[in-house]
Amino acid sequence: YMKYQTMERPTLGVAALDISHDDGPKRRVVIGAACELPMLRDFASGEPIDAEALAAELEIVPDIAGDERYKRHVTAIYIERALARLDESPIR
């Protein structure tokens, strides 16, 4: 889990995790605080995840922390960072 915060409330939260599912291992990405509701997406294990495309799907809510374009850009960066951190994690 990674959080980006400039004031008292998070501007963005991104979680990335590997999960086991009935139909095989999956990679899950959860994004919160940038939108009205958290967004959860599952990807097949090994499926490439395009952070820019995923961020483009979100209904970003502009606020005093940033406009829609800025928050979408930061979201894509944090998705990439969370996935990179997951790939580096010794826990599987």
C-alpha atoms as a PDB file:
ATOM      1  CA  TYR A   1       0.000   0.000   0.000  1.00  0.00           C
ATOM      2  CA  MET A   2       1.257   3.439  -0.919  1.00  0.00           C
ATOM      3  CA  LYS A   3      -0.322   6.738   0.040  1.00  0.00           C
ATOM      4  CA  TYR A   4       0.220  10.205  -1.398  1.00  0.00           C
ATOM      5  CA  GLN A   5      -0.811  12.945   0.989  1.00  0.00           C
ATOM      6  CA  THR A   6      -0.218  16.688   0.940  1.00  0.00           C
ATOM      7  CA  MET A   7      -2.780  17.750   3.546  1.00  0.00           C
ATOM      8  CA  GLU A   8      -4.739  16.091   6.348  1.00  0.00           C
ATOM      9  CA  ARG A   9      -6.542  13.709   3.990  1.00  0.00           C
ATOM     10  CA  PRO A  10      -4.904  11.394   1.450  1.00  0.00           C
ATOM     11  CA  THR A  11      -4.887  12.586  -2.144  1.00  0.00           C
ATOM     12  CA  LEU A  12      -4.380   9.043  -3.354  1.00  0.00           C
ATOM     13  CA  GLY A  13      -3.979   5.515  -2.038  1.00  0.00           C
ATOM     14  CA  VAL A  14      -2.844   2.566  -4.172  1.00  0.00           C
ATOM     15  CA  ALA A  15      -2.594  -1.040  -3.065  1.00  0.00           C
ATOM     16  CA  ALA A  16      -1.161  -3.854  -5.173  1.00  0.00           C
ATOM     17  CA  LEU A  17      -1.185  -7.485  -4.118  1.00  0.00           C
ATOM     18  CA  ASP A  18      -0.897 -11.016  -5.408  1.00  0.00           C
ATOM     19  CA  ILE A  19      -3.874 -13.196  -4.538  1.00  0.00           C
ATOM     20  CA  SER A  20      -4.895 -16.794  -5.058  1.00  0.00           C
ATOM     21  CA  HIS A  21      -8.251 -17.303  -6.691  1.00  0.00           C
ATOM     22  CA  ASP A  22     -10.305 -20.335  -7.745  1.00  0.00           C
ATOM     23  CA  ASP A  23      -9.261 -19.791 -11.354  1.00  0.00           C
ATOM     24  CA  GLY A  24      -5.571 -19.257 -10.545  1.00  0.00           C
ATOM     25  CA  PRO A  25      -3.256 -16.577  -9.197  1.00  0.00           C
ATOM     26  CA  LYS A  26      -4.177 -12.966  -9.821  1.00  0.00           C
ATOM     27  CA  ARG A  27      -2.726  -9.546  -9.292  1.00  0.00           C
ATOM     28  CA  ARG A  28      -5.065  -7.004  -7.705  1.00  0.00           C
ATOM     29  CA  VAL A  29      -4.826  -3.204  -7.856  1.00  0.00           C
ATOM     30  CA  VAL A  30      -6.997  -1.038  -5.591  1.00  0.00           C
ATOM     31  CA  ILE A  31      -7.139   2.740  -5.942  1.00  0.00           C
ATOM     32  CA  GLY A  32      -8.771   5.015  -3.412  1.00  0.00           C
ATOM     33  CA  ALA A  33      -9.145   8.677  -2.468  1.00  0.00           C
ATOM     34  CA  ALA A  34      -8.721  10.004  -6.032  1.00  0.00           C
ATOM     35  CA  CYS A  35     -12.300   9.051  -6.955  1.00  0.00           C
ATOM     36  CA  GLU A  36     -15.696   9.090  -5.264  1.00  0.00           C
ATOM     37  CA  LEU A  37     -15.454   5.334  -4.667  1.00  0.00           C
ATOM     38  CA  PRO A  38     -12.461   2.998  -4.496  1.00  0.00           C
ATOM     39  CA  MET A  39     -11.704   1.087  -7.697  1.00  0.00           C
ATOM     40  CA  LEU A  40     -10.591  -2.544  -7.687  1.00  0.00           C
ATOM     41  CA  ARG A  41      -9.237  -4.393 -10.730  1.00  0.00           C
ATOM     42  CA  ASP A  42      -7.960  -7.952 -10.978  1.00  0.00           C
ATOM     43  CA  PHE A  43      -5.475  -9.054 -13.633  1.00  0.00           C
ATOM     44  CA  ALA A  44      -4.332 -12.540 -14.559  1.00  0.00           C
ATOM     45  CA  SER A  45      -0.931 -13.329 -13.123  1.00  0.00           C
ATOM     46  CA  GLY A  46       1.692 -12.334 -15.693  1.00  0.00           C
ATOM     47  CA  GLU A  47      -0.724 -10.069 -17.602  1.00  0.00           C
ATOM     48  CA  PRO A  48       0.925  -6.708 -18.268  1.00  0.00           C
ATOM     49  CA  ILE A  49      -0.704  -3.847 -16.372  1.00  0.00           C
ATOM     50  CA  ASP A  50      -0.714  -0.495 -18.153  1.00  0.00           C
ATOM     51  CA  ALA A  51      -0.720   2.093 -15.353  1.00  0.00           C
ATOM     52  CA  GLU A  52      -1.524   4.974 -17.731  1.00  0.00           C
ATOM     53  CA  ALA A  53      -4.534   3.142 -19.185  1.00  0.00           C
ATOM     54  CA  LEU A  54      -5.760   2.127 -15.739  1.00  0.00           C
ATOM     55  CA  ALA A  55      -5.498   5.721 -14.487  1.00  0.00           C
ATOM     56  CA  ALA A  56      -7.325   6.919 -17.622  1.00  0.00           C
ATOM     57  CA  GLU A  57     -10.351   4.761 -16.694  1.00  0.00           C
ATOM     58  CA  LEU A  58     -10.872   6.517 -13.357  1.00  0.00           C
ATOM     59  CA  GLU A  59     -13.436   9.198 -12.666  1.00  0.00           C
ATOM     60  CA  ILE A  60     -10.998  11.492 -10.865  1.00  0.00           C
ATOM     61  CA  VAL A  61     -12.446  14.085  -8.512  1.00  0.00           C
ATOM     62  CA  PRO A  62     -10.527  17.373  -8.668  1.00  0.00           C
ATOM     63  CA  ASP A  63     -10.036  19.114  -5.335  1.00  0.00           C
ATOM     64  CA  ILE A  64      -7.629  21.483  -3.601  1.00  0.00           C
ATOM     65  CA  ALA A  65      -4.892  18.805  -3.806  1.00  0.00           C
ATOM     66  CA  GLY A  66      -4.947  18.923  -7.614  1.00  0.00           C
ATOM     67  CA  ASP A  67      -6.930  19.063 -10.800  1.00  0.00           C
ATOM     68  CA  GLU A  68      -8.018  15.975 -12.733  1.00  0.00           C
ATOM     69  CA  ARG A  69      -4.998  15.912 -15.056  1.00  0.00           C
ATOM     70  CA  TYR A  70      -2.489  16.199 -12.205  1.00  0.00           C
ATOM     71  CA  LYS A  71      -4.192  13.566 -10.040  1.00  0.00           C
ATOM     72  CA  ARG A  72      -4.464  11.151 -13.001  1.00  0.00           C
ATOM     73  CA  HIS A  73      -0.717  11.566 -13.651  1.00  0.00           C
ATOM     74  CA  VAL A  74       0.175  10.968  -9.986  1.00  0.00           C
ATOM     75  CA  THR A  75      -2.153   7.952  -9.905  1.00  0.00           C
ATOM     76  CA  ALA A  76      -0.361   6.320 -12.854  1.00  0.00           C
ATOM     77  CA  ILE A  77       3.009   6.887 -11.178  1.00  0.00           C
ATOM     78  CA  TYR A  78       1.818   5.385  -7.895  1.00  0.00           C
ATOM     79  CA  ILE A  79       0.317   2.360  -9.660  1.00  0.00           C
ATOM     80  CA  GLU A  80       3.709   1.734 -11.284  1.00  0.00           C
ATOM     81  CA  ARG A  81       5.512   2.187  -7.951  1.00  0.00           C
ATOM     82  CA  ALA A  82       3.152  -0.126  -6.069  1.00  0.00           C
ATOM     83  CA  LEU A  83       3.541  -2.834  -8.724  1.00  0.00           C
ATOM     84  CA  ALA A  84       7.335  -2.439  -8.697  1.00  0.00           C
ATOM     85  CA  ARG A  85       7.373  -2.722  -4.917  1.00  0.00           C
ATOM     86  CA  LEU A  86       5.214  -5.840  -5.142  1.00  0.00           C
ATOM     87  CA  ASP A  87       7.648  -7.391  -7.631  1.00  0.00           C
ATOM     88  CA  GLU A  88      10.518  -6.669  -5.213  1.00  0.00           C
ATOM     89  CA  SER A  89       8.713  -8.133  -2.194  1.00  0.00           C
ATOM     90  CA  PRO A  90      10.196 -11.368  -0.831  1.00  0.00           C
ATOM     91  CA  ILE A  91       6.744 -12.410   0.455  1.00  0.00           C
ATOM     92  CA  ARG A  92       4.697 -14.290  -2.128  1.00  0.00           C
END
